Amino acid sequence: MEFLLRLWDEADDWTGAFRHLARATLSELSAFTAPLAAAASAAGVWLLLPQYRLTAALLGCTATLWGVYRGAGGT
């Protein structure tokens, strides 16, 4: 019986570790994709709406710089 309890405890530890890794990976990916999505939308505006090119350029630069700032430990 003690063997089964130890086995169950070990399985629980591994499950917790994998859950933590999955959560951390999703968090990092979501922080990485937000500036890319904003830059991609700015590129779409740049290509499809020429009258808003300055706005699109500013949006793309702002999104990229904000992503770099957040990646460096900013909030």
PDB file of N, CA and C in Angstrom:
ATOM      1  N   MET A   1       0.821  -1.193   0.000  1.00  0.00           N
ATOM      2  CA  MET A   1       0.000   0.000   0.000  1.00  0.00           C
ATOM      3  C   MET A   1       0.866   1.258   0.000  1.00  0.00           C
ATOM      4  N   GLU A   2       1.940   1.229   0.768  1.00  0.00           N
ATOM      5  CA  GLU A   2       2.829   2.384   0.823  1.00  0.00           C
ATOM      6  C   GLU A   2       3.467   2.633  -0.547  1.00  0.00           C
ATOM      7  N   PHE A   3       3.759   1.563  -1.264  1.00  0.00           N
ATOM      8  CA  PHE A   3       4.331   1.696  -2.601  1.00  0.00           C
ATOM      9  C   PHE A   3       3.379   2.456  -3.529  1.00  0.00           C
ATOM     10  N   LEU A   4       2.091   2.148  -3.453  1.00  0.00           N
ATOM     11  CA  LEU A   4       1.115   2.834  -4.295  1.00  0.00           C
ATOM     12  C   LEU A   4       0.988   4.310  -3.924  1.00  0.00           C
ATOM     13  N   LEU A   5       1.073   4.612  -2.633  1.00  0.00           N
ATOM     14  CA  LEU A   5       1.011   6.010  -2.209  1.00  0.00           C
ATOM     15  C   LEU A   5       2.216   6.795  -2.715  1.00  0.00           C
ATOM     16  N   ARG A   6       3.398   6.185  -2.642  1.00  0.00           N
ATOM     17  CA  ARG A   6       4.602   6.852  -3.158  1.00  0.00           C
ATOM     18  C   ARG A   6       4.526   7.027  -4.671  1.00  0.00           C
ATOM     19  N   LEU A   7       4.016   6.019  -5.349  1.00  0.00           N
ATOM     20  CA  LEU A   7       3.856   6.103  -6.796  1.00  0.00           C
ATOM     21  C   LEU A   7       2.861   7.206  -7.159  1.00  0.00           C
ATOM     22  N   TRP A   8       1.766   7.278  -6.417  1.00  0.00           N
ATOM     23  CA  TRP A   8       0.771   8.321  -6.651  1.00  0.00           C
ATOM     24  C   TRP A   8       1.367   9.704  -6.399  1.00  0.00           C
ATOM     25  N   ASP A   9       2.155   9.848  -5.344  1.00  0.00           N
ATOM     26  CA  ASP A   9       2.792  11.122  -5.028  1.00  0.00           C
ATOM     27  C   ASP A   9       3.769  11.528  -6.131  1.00  0.00           C
ATOM     28  N   GLU A  10       4.521  10.577  -6.634  1.00  0.00           N
ATOM     29  CA  GLU A  10       5.469  10.864  -7.714  1.00  0.00           C
ATOM     30  C   GLU A  10       4.732  11.291  -8.986  1.00  0.00           C
ATOM     31  N   ALA A  11       3.650  10.600  -9.304  1.00  0.00           N
ATOM     32  CA  ALA A  11       2.853  10.968 -10.482  1.00  0.00           C
ATOM     33  C   ALA A  11       2.254  12.363 -10.315  1.00  0.00           C
ATOM     34  N   ASP A  12       1.830  12.696  -9.105  1.00  0.00           N
ATOM     35  CA  ASP A  12       1.290  14.020  -8.833  1.00  0.00           C
ATOM     36  C   ASP A  12       2.363  15.093  -9.004  1.00  0.00           C
ATOM     37  N   ASP A  13       3.583  14.815  -8.561  1.00  0.00           N
ATOM     38  CA  ASP A  13       4.685  15.764  -8.734  1.00  0.00           C
ATOM     39  C   ASP A  13       4.982  16.008 -10.211  1.00  0.00           C
ATOM     40  N   TRP A  14       5.023  14.938 -10.993  1.00  0.00           N
ATOM     41  CA  TRP A  14       5.290  15.077 -12.428  1.00  0.00           C
ATOM     42  C   TRP A  14       4.165  15.853 -13.121  1.00  0.00           C
ATOM     43  N   THR A  15       2.946  15.586 -12.739  1.00  0.00           N
ATOM     44  CA  THR A  15       1.813  16.301 -13.326  1.00  0.00           C
ATOM     45  C   THR A  15       1.891  17.790 -13.013  1.00  0.00           C
ATOM     46  N   GLY A  16       2.237  18.122 -11.786  1.00  0.00           N
ATOM     47  CA  GLY A  16       2.388  19.526 -11.410  1.00  0.00           C
ATOM     48  C   GLY A  16       3.505  20.209 -12.178  1.00  0.00           C
ATOM     49  N   ALA A  17       4.612  19.496 -12.380  1.00  0.00           N
ATOM     50  CA  ALA A  17       5.727  20.067 -13.131  1.00  0.00           C
ATOM     51  C   ALA A  17       5.336  20.319 -14.585  1.00  0.00           C
ATOM     52  N   PHE A  18       4.664  19.365 -15.206  1.00  0.00           N
ATOM     53  CA  PHE A  18       4.235  19.554 -16.589  1.00  0.00           C
ATOM     54  C   PHE A  18       3.201  20.669 -16.711  1.00  0.00           C
ATOM     55  N   ARG A  19       2.318  20.776 -15.737  1.00  0.00           N
ATOM     56  CA  ARG A  19       1.321  21.846 -15.744  1.00  0.00           C
ATOM     57  C   ARG A  19       2.010  23.208 -15.639  1.00  0.00           C
ATOM     58  N   HIS A  20       3.025  23.298 -14.794  1.00  0.00           N
ATOM     59  CA  HIS A  20       3.775  24.544 -14.652  1.00  0.00           C
ATOM     60  C   HIS A  20       4.490  24.898 -15.956  1.00  0.00           C
ATOM     61  N   LEU A  21       5.119  23.925 -16.595  1.00  0.00           N
ATOM     62  CA  LEU A  21       5.809  24.185 -17.860  1.00  0.00           C
ATOM     63  C   LEU A  21       4.837  24.630 -18.950  1.00  0.00           C
ATOM     64  N   ALA A  22       3.691  24.006 -19.019  1.00  0.00           N
ATOM     65  CA  ALA A  22       2.698  24.390 -20.024  1.00  0.00           C
ATOM     66  C   ALA A  22       2.199  25.810 -19.783  1.00  0.00           C
ATOM     67  N   ARG A  23       1.943  26.151 -18.537  1.00  0.00           N
ATOM     68  CA  ARG A  23       1.463  27.493 -18.207  1.00  0.00           C
ATOM     69  C   ARG A  23       2.521  28.540 -18.525  1.00  0.00           C
ATOM     70  N   ALA A  24       3.777  28.261 -18.186  1.00  0.00           N
ATOM     71  CA  ALA A  24       4.855  29.206 -18.468  1.00  0.00           C
ATOM     72  C   ALA A  24       5.067  29.373 -19.971  1.00  0.00           C
ATOM     73  N   THR A  25       4.977  28.279 -20.711  1.00  0.00           N
ATOM     74  CA  THR A  25       5.151  28.351 -22.163  1.00  0.00           C
ATOM     75  C   THR A  25       4.044  29.174 -22.803  1.00  0.00           C
ATOM     76  N   LEU A  26       2.811  28.950 -22.404  1.00  0.00           N
ATOM     77  CA  LEU A  26       1.700  29.735 -22.951  1.00  0.00           C
ATOM     78  C   LEU A  26       1.823  31.211 -22.598  1.00  0.00           C
ATOM     79  N   SER A  27       2.284  31.497 -21.400  1.00  0.00           N
ATOM     80  CA  SER A  27       2.462  32.882 -20.992  1.00  0.00           C
ATOM     81  C   SER A  27       3.520  33.572 -21.844  1.00  0.00           C
ATOM     82  N   GLU A  28       4.637  32.887 -22.073  1.00  0.00           N
ATOM     83  CA  GLU A  28       5.701  33.464 -22.891  1.00  0.00           C
ATOM     84  C   GLU A  28       5.256  33.648 -24.336  1.00  0.00           C
ATOM     85  N   LEU A  29       4.534  32.676 -24.875  1.00  0.00           N
ATOM     86  CA  LEU A  29       4.081  32.790 -26.261  1.00  0.00           C
ATOM     87  C   LEU A  29       3.071  33.914 -26.431  1.00  0.00           C
ATOM     88  N   SER A  30       2.190  34.080 -25.471  1.00  0.00           N
ATOM     89  CA  SER A  30       1.202  35.152 -25.593  1.00  0.00           C
ATOM     90  C   SER A  30       1.865  36.519 -25.475  1.00  0.00           C
ATOM     91  N   ALA A  31       2.888  36.641 -24.641  1.00  0.00           N
ATOM     92  CA  ALA A  31       3.610  37.907 -24.533  1.00  0.00           C
ATOM     93  C   ALA A  31       4.397  38.194 -25.806  1.00  0.00           C
ATOM     94  N   PHE A  32       4.813  37.142 -26.516  1.00  0.00           N
ATOM     95  CA  PHE A  32       5.591  37.308 -27.739  1.00  0.00           C
ATOM     96  C   PHE A  32       4.706  37.626 -28.936  1.00  0.00           C
ATOM     97  N   THR A  33       3.513  37.072 -28.989  1.00  0.00           N
ATOM     98  CA  THR A  33       2.677  37.232 -30.178  1.00  0.00           C
ATOM     99  C   THR A  33       1.900  38.541 -30.215  1.00  0.00           C
ATOM    100  N   ALA A  34       1.660  39.173 -29.092  1.00  0.00           N
ATOM    101  CA  ALA A  34       0.880  40.414 -29.096  1.00  0.00           C
ATOM    102  C   ALA A  34       1.552  41.526 -29.901  1.00  0.00           C
ATOM    103  N   PRO A  35       2.840  41.827 -29.701  1.00  0.00           N
ATOM    104  CA  PRO A  35       3.460  42.861 -30.536  1.00  0.00           C
ATOM    105  C   PRO A  35       3.543  42.459 -32.008  1.00  0.00           C
ATOM    106  N   LEU A  36       3.722  41.162 -32.266  1.00  0.00           N
ATOM    107  CA  LEU A  36       3.771  40.718 -33.660  1.00  0.00           C
ATOM    108  C   LEU A  36       2.424  40.895 -34.345  1.00  0.00           C
ATOM    109  N   ALA A  37       1.345  40.619 -33.638  1.00  0.00           N
ATOM    110  CA  ALA A  37       0.010  40.806 -34.211  1.00  0.00           C
ATOM    111  C   ALA A  37      -0.253  42.286 -34.491  1.00  0.00           C
ATOM    112  N   ALA A  38       0.165  43.153 -33.584  1.00  0.00           N
ATOM    113  CA  ALA A  38      -0.021  44.589 -33.807  1.00  0.00           C
ATOM    114  C   ALA A  38       0.816  45.071 -34.984  1.00  0.00           C
ATOM    115  N   ALA A  39       2.041  44.585 -35.093  1.00  0.00           N
ATOM    116  CA  ALA A  39       2.887  44.967 -36.223  1.00  0.00           C
ATOM    117  C   ALA A  39       2.322  44.428 -37.535  1.00  0.00           C
ATOM    118  N   ALA A  40       1.764  43.229 -37.514  1.00  0.00           N
ATOM    119  CA  ALA A  40       1.164  42.669 -38.729  1.00  0.00           C
ATOM    120  C   ALA A  40      -0.068  43.468 -39.149  1.00  0.00           C
ATOM    121  N   SER A  41      -0.866  43.903 -38.184  1.00  0.00           N
ATOM    122  CA  SER A  41      -2.030  44.715 -38.540  1.00  0.00           C
ATOM    123  C   SER A  41      -1.589  46.071 -39.084  1.00  0.00           C
ATOM    124  N   ALA A  42      -0.507  46.614 -38.541  1.00  0.00           N
ATOM    125  CA  ALA A  42       0.025  47.872 -39.074  1.00  0.00           C
ATOM    126  C   ALA A  42       0.530  47.682 -40.498  1.00  0.00           C
ATOM    127  N   ALA A  43       1.159  46.542 -40.775  1.00  0.00           N
ATOM    128  CA  ALA A  43       1.617  46.263 -42.140  1.00  0.00           C
ATOM    129  C   ALA A  43       0.425  46.128 -43.089  1.00  0.00           C
ATOM    130  N   GLY A  44      -0.659  45.526 -42.609  1.00  0.00           N
ATOM    131  CA  GLY A  44      -1.861  45.427 -43.433  1.00  0.00           C
ATOM    132  C   GLY A  44      -2.439  46.791 -43.752  1.00  0.00           C
ATOM    133  N   VAL A  45      -2.476  47.678 -42.764  1.00  0.00           N
ATOM    134  CA  VAL A  45      -2.959  49.041 -43.006  1.00  0.00           C
ATOM    135  C   VAL A  45      -2.031  49.751 -43.984  1.00  0.00           C
ATOM    136  N   TRP A  46      -0.735  49.542 -43.831  1.00  0.00           N
ATOM    137  CA  TRP A  46       0.256  50.169 -44.712  1.00  0.00           C
ATOM    138  C   TRP A  46       0.017  49.762 -46.170  1.00  0.00           C
ATOM    139  N   LEU A  47      -0.271  48.484 -46.381  1.00  0.00           N
ATOM    140  CA  LEU A  47      -0.436  47.991 -47.748  1.00  0.00           C
ATOM    141  C   LEU A  47      -1.815  48.287 -48.329  1.00  0.00           C
ATOM    142  N   LEU A  48      -2.858  48.197 -47.508  1.00  0.00           N
ATOM    143  CA  LEU A  48      -4.216  48.298 -48.030  1.00  0.00           C
ATOM    144  C   LEU A  48      -4.783  49.720 -48.029  1.00  0.00           C
ATOM    145  N   LEU A  49      -4.312  50.554 -47.129  1.00  0.00           N
ATOM    146  CA  LEU A  49      -4.843  51.917 -47.022  1.00  0.00           C
ATOM    147  C   LEU A  49      -3.695  52.923 -47.096  1.00  0.00           C
ATOM    148  N   PRO A  50      -3.299  53.318 -48.297  1.00  0.00           N
ATOM    149  CA  PRO A  50      -2.128  54.195 -48.430  1.00  0.00           C
ATOM    150  C   PRO A  50      -2.286  55.545 -47.726  1.00  0.00           C
ATOM    151  N   GLN A  51      -3.505  56.042 -47.566  1.00  0.00           N
ATOM    152  CA  GLN A  51      -3.681  57.342 -46.933  1.00  0.00           C
ATOM    153  C   GLN A  51      -3.362  57.303 -45.431  1.00  0.00           C
ATOM    154  N   TYR A  52      -3.274  56.091 -44.857  1.00  0.00           N
ATOM    155  CA  TYR A  52      -2.970  55.967 -43.429  1.00  0.00           C
ATOM    156  C   TYR A  52      -1.573  55.393 -43.187  1.00  0.00           C
ATOM    157  N   ARG A  53      -0.653  55.596 -44.107  1.00  0.00           N
ATOM    158  CA  ARG A  53       0.670  54.981 -43.977  1.00  0.00           C
ATOM    159  C   ARG A  53       1.444  55.526 -42.781  1.00  0.00           C
ATOM    160  N   LEU A  54       1.359  56.805 -42.511  1.00  0.00           N
ATOM    161  CA  LEU A  54       2.072  57.349 -41.361  1.00  0.00           C
ATOM    162  C   LEU A  54       1.523  56.761 -40.065  1.00  0.00           C
ATOM    163  N   THR A  55       0.220  56.663 -39.963  1.00  0.00           N
ATOM    164  CA  THR A  55      -0.396  56.064 -38.779  1.00  0.00           C
ATOM    165  C   THR A  55       0.021  54.609 -38.624  1.00  0.00           C
ATOM    166  N   ALA A  56       0.065  53.881 -39.732  1.00  0.00           N
ATOM    167  CA  ALA A  56       0.469  52.473 -39.678  1.00  0.00           C
ATOM    168  C   ALA A  56       1.924  52.337 -39.260  1.00  0.00           C
ATOM    169  N   ALA A  57       2.779  53.216 -39.770  1.00  0.00           N
ATOM    170  CA  ALA A  57       4.191  53.162 -39.392  1.00  0.00           C
ATOM    171  C   ALA A  57       4.355  53.444 -37.901  1.00  0.00           C
ATOM    172  N   LEU A  58       3.635  54.435 -37.402  1.00  0.00           N
ATOM    173  CA  LEU A  58       3.718  54.744 -35.971  1.00  0.00           C
ATOM    174  C   LEU A  58       3.177  53.600 -35.122  1.00  0.00           C
ATOM    175  N   LEU A  59       2.079  52.974 -35.561  1.00  0.00           N
ATOM    176  CA  LEU A  59       1.517  51.842 -34.829  1.00  0.00           C
ATOM    177  C   LEU A  59       2.494  50.671 -34.799  1.00  0.00           C
ATOM    178  N   GLY A  60       3.113  50.375 -35.937  1.00  0.00           N
ATOM    179  CA  GLY A  60       4.077  49.270 -35.993  1.00  0.00           C
ATOM    180  C   GLY A  60       5.286  49.522 -35.116  1.00  0.00           C
ATOM    181  N   CYS A  61       5.819  50.737 -35.161  1.00  0.00           N
ATOM    182  CA  CYS A  61       6.982  51.066 -34.320  1.00  0.00           C
ATOM    183  C   CYS A  61       6.621  51.020 -32.841  1.00  0.00           C
ATOM    184  N   THR A  62       5.466  51.559 -32.509  1.00  0.00           N
ATOM    185  CA  THR A  62       5.036  51.547 -31.111  1.00  0.00           C
ATOM    186  C   THR A  62       4.842  50.127 -30.602  1.00  0.00           C
ATOM    187  N   ALA A  63       4.222  49.280 -31.408  1.00  0.00           N
ATOM    188  CA  ALA A  63       4.000  47.889 -30.993  1.00  0.00           C
ATOM    189  C   ALA A  63       5.315  47.154 -30.819  1.00  0.00           C
ATOM    190  N   THR A  64       6.253  47.382 -31.728  1.00  0.00           N
ATOM    191  CA  THR A  64       7.542  46.706 -31.636  1.00  0.00           C
ATOM    192  C   THR A  64       8.320  47.184 -30.418  1.00  0.00           C
ATOM    193  N   LEU A  65       8.368  48.488 -30.215  1.00  0.00           N
ATOM    194  CA  LEU A  65       9.106  49.012 -29.064  1.00  0.00           C
ATOM    195  C   LEU A  65       8.457  48.599 -27.748  1.00  0.00           C
ATOM    196  N   TRP A  66       7.128  48.581 -27.702  1.00  0.00           N
ATOM    197  CA  TRP A  66       6.439  48.150 -26.483  1.00  0.00           C
ATOM    198  C   TRP A  66       6.735  46.690 -26.188  1.00  0.00           C
ATOM    199  N   GLY A  67       6.780  45.863 -27.231  1.00  0.00           N
ATOM    200  CA  GLY A  67       7.110  44.451 -27.043  1.00  0.00           C
ATOM    201  C   GLY A  67       8.521  44.268 -26.528  1.00  0.00           C
ATOM    202  N   VAL A  68       9.459  45.060 -27.039  1.00  0.00           N
ATOM    203  CA  VAL A  68      10.841  44.982 -26.557  1.00  0.00           C
ATOM    204  C   VAL A  68      10.914  45.465 -25.113  1.00  0.00           C
ATOM    205  N   TYR A  69      10.213  46.548 -24.801  1.00  0.00           N
ATOM    206  CA  TYR A  69      10.213  47.086 -23.443  1.00  0.00           C
ATOM    207  C   TYR A  69       9.631  46.089 -22.450  1.00  0.00           C
ATOM    208  N   ARG A  70       8.515  45.460 -22.814  1.00  0.00           N
ATOM    209  CA  ARG A  70       7.904  44.464 -21.921  1.00  0.00           C
ATOM    210  C   ARG A  70       8.792  43.252 -21.771  1.00  0.00           C
ATOM    211  N   GLY A  71       9.477  42.861 -22.847  1.00  0.00           N
ATOM    212  CA  GLY A  71      10.368  41.712 -22.779  1.00  0.00           C
ATOM    213  C   GLY A  71      11.577  41.973 -21.901  1.00  0.00           C
ATOM    214  N   ALA A  72      11.941  43.261 -21.744  1.00  0.00           N
ATOM    215  CA  ALA A  72      13.101  43.611 -20.931  1.00  0.00           C
ATOM    216  C   ALA A  72      12.755  43.723 -19.453  1.00  0.00           C
ATOM    217  N   GLY A  73      11.531  43.426 -19.087  1.00  0.00           N
ATOM    218  CA  GLY A  73      11.158  43.445 -17.678  1.00  0.00           C
ATOM    219  C   GLY A  73      10.254  44.594 -17.310  1.00  0.00           C
ATOM    220  N   GLY A  74       9.799  45.375 -18.287  1.00  0.00           N
ATOM    221  CA  GLY A  74       8.882  46.467 -17.997  1.00  0.00           C
ATOM    222  C   GLY A  74       7.481  45.944 -17.745  1.00  0.00           C
ATOM    223  N   THR A  75       6.603  46.854 -17.328  1.00  0.00           N
ATOM    224  CA  THR A  75       5.216  46.451 -17.097  1.00  0.00           C
ATOM    225  C   THR A  75       4.294  47.185 -18.015  1.00  0.00           C
TER     226      THR A  75
END
